[in-house]
């Protein structure tokens, strides 16, 4: 495996984990468990094993441009519409 390939795989794992955590915050904080579940479902696209499964199942993979646009939409929805920061504060106060 080339270094750029390892780097890309690591980046995909990190992005997938971050988006999964964003989804979990939305599930357990506030009144948005459906939105959080949807974010978790979308975050699965970034995990390399899921990418490989999608490729085997459909015969084509998801383009990095599509994943980038999806990531921007997830961030926009979570930070703006989903009020992620206020939910994180609420979650931290409850601990």
Protein backbone atom coordinates (compact mmCIF):
# COMPACT_ATOMS: atom_id res chain seq x y z
CA UNK A 1 0.00 0.00 0.00
CA UNK A 2 1.41 3.41 -0.95
CA UNK A 3 1.80 6.21 1.60
CA UNK A 4 -0.86 8.34 -0.08
CA UNK A 5 -3.21 5.37 0.02
CA UNK A 6 -2.53 4.86 3.75
CA UNK A 7 -3.04 8.56 4.36
CA UNK A 8 -6.35 8.53 2.48
CA UNK A 9 -7.54 5.48 4.40
CA UNK A 10 -6.62 7.14 7.70
CA UNK A 11 -8.42 10.33 6.70
CA UNK A 12 -11.55 8.36 5.79
CA UNK A 13 -11.49 6.56 9.15
CA UNK A 14 -11.06 9.83 11.05
CA UNK A 15 -13.86 11.57 9.14
CA UNK A 16 -16.14 8.58 9.63
CA UNK A 17 -15.47 8.52 13.37
CA UNK A 18 -16.00 12.29 13.70
CA UNK A 19 -19.31 12.15 11.83
CA UNK A 20 -20.40 9.12 13.86
CA UNK A 21 -19.65 11.05 17.06
CA UNK A 22 -21.63 14.03 15.74
CA UNK A 23 -24.52 11.67 15.10
CA UNK A 24 -24.25 10.19 18.59
CA UNK A 25 -24.34 13.67 20.15
CA UNK A 26 -27.53 14.36 18.21
CA UNK A 27 -29.05 11.02 19.25
CA UNK A 28 -28.39 11.42 22.96
CA UNK A 29 -28.65 15.18 23.43
CA UNK A 30 -31.69 17.27 22.70
CA UNK A 31 -34.70 16.00 20.84
CA UNK A 32 -33.14 14.90 17.55
CA UNK A 33 -32.52 11.14 17.66
CA UNK A 34 -33.78 10.65 14.09
CA UNK A 35 -31.45 13.34 12.74
CA UNK A 36 -28.56 11.81 14.71
CA UNK A 37 -29.35 8.35 13.36
CA UNK A 38 -29.40 9.78 9.84
CA UNK A 39 -25.97 11.37 10.38
CA UNK A 40 -24.63 8.05 11.70
CA UNK A 41 -26.03 6.30 8.64
CA UNK A 42 -24.38 8.84 6.32
CA UNK A 43 -21.08 8.53 8.22
CA UNK A 44 -20.87 4.86 7.23
CA UNK A 45 -19.93 5.95 3.70
CA UNK A 46 -16.52 7.08 5.00
CA UNK A 47 -15.46 3.78 6.59
CA UNK A 48 -13.16 1.82 4.22
CA UNK A 49 -14.80 -1.59 4.87
CA UNK A 50 -18.22 -0.12 4.06
CA UNK A 51 -16.78 1.53 0.96
CA UNK A 52 -15.43 -1.85 -0.17
CA UNK A 53 -18.81 -3.49 0.52
CA UNK A 54 -20.64 -0.83 -1.51
CA UNK A 55 -18.13 -1.33 -4.34
CA UNK A 56 -18.64 -5.10 -4.31
CA UNK A 57 -22.41 -4.75 -4.12
CA UNK A 58 -22.91 -2.12 -6.81
CA UNK A 59 -19.75 -2.42 -8.90
CA UNK A 60 -18.74 1.19 -8.37
CA UNK A 61 -17.38 3.25 -5.48
CA UNK A 62 -18.33 6.61 -4.13
CA UNK A 63 -16.27 9.40 -5.62
CA UNK A 64 -14.16 11.58 -3.28
CA UNK A 65 -15.91 14.68 -4.62
CA UNK A 66 -19.27 13.21 -3.60
CA UNK A 67 -17.87 12.35 -0.15
CA UNK A 68 -16.50 15.88 0.21
CA UNK A 69 -19.86 17.43 -0.69
CA UNK A 70 -21.64 15.02 1.66
CA UNK A 71 -19.21 15.95 4.44
CA UNK A 72 -19.83 19.66 3.92
CA UNK A 73 -23.58 19.08 4.04
CA UNK A 74 -23.24 17.04 7.23
CA UNK A 75 -21.13 19.77 8.83
CA UNK A 76 -23.52 22.50 7.72
CA UNK A 77 -26.55 20.60 8.98
CA UNK A 78 -24.90 19.68 12.28
CA UNK A 79 -23.28 22.99 13.10
CA UNK A 80 -25.92 25.33 11.75
CA UNK A 81 -29.31 23.71 11.61
CA UNK A 82 -28.60 20.98 14.16
CA UNK A 83 -27.08 23.37 16.75
CA UNK A 84 -24.27 20.94 17.55
CA UNK A 85 -22.38 23.33 19.85
CA UNK A 86 -25.37 23.98 22.10
CA UNK A 87 -26.08 20.24 22.25
CA UNK A 88 -22.47 19.53 23.22
CA UNK A 89 -22.69 22.14 26.00
CA UNK A 90 -25.93 20.57 27.18
CA UNK A 91 -24.37 17.11 27.11
CA UNK A 92 -21.30 18.25 29.05
CA UNK A 93 -23.44 19.97 31.69
CA UNK A 94 -25.42 16.79 32.25
CA UNK A 95 -22.26 14.84 33.07
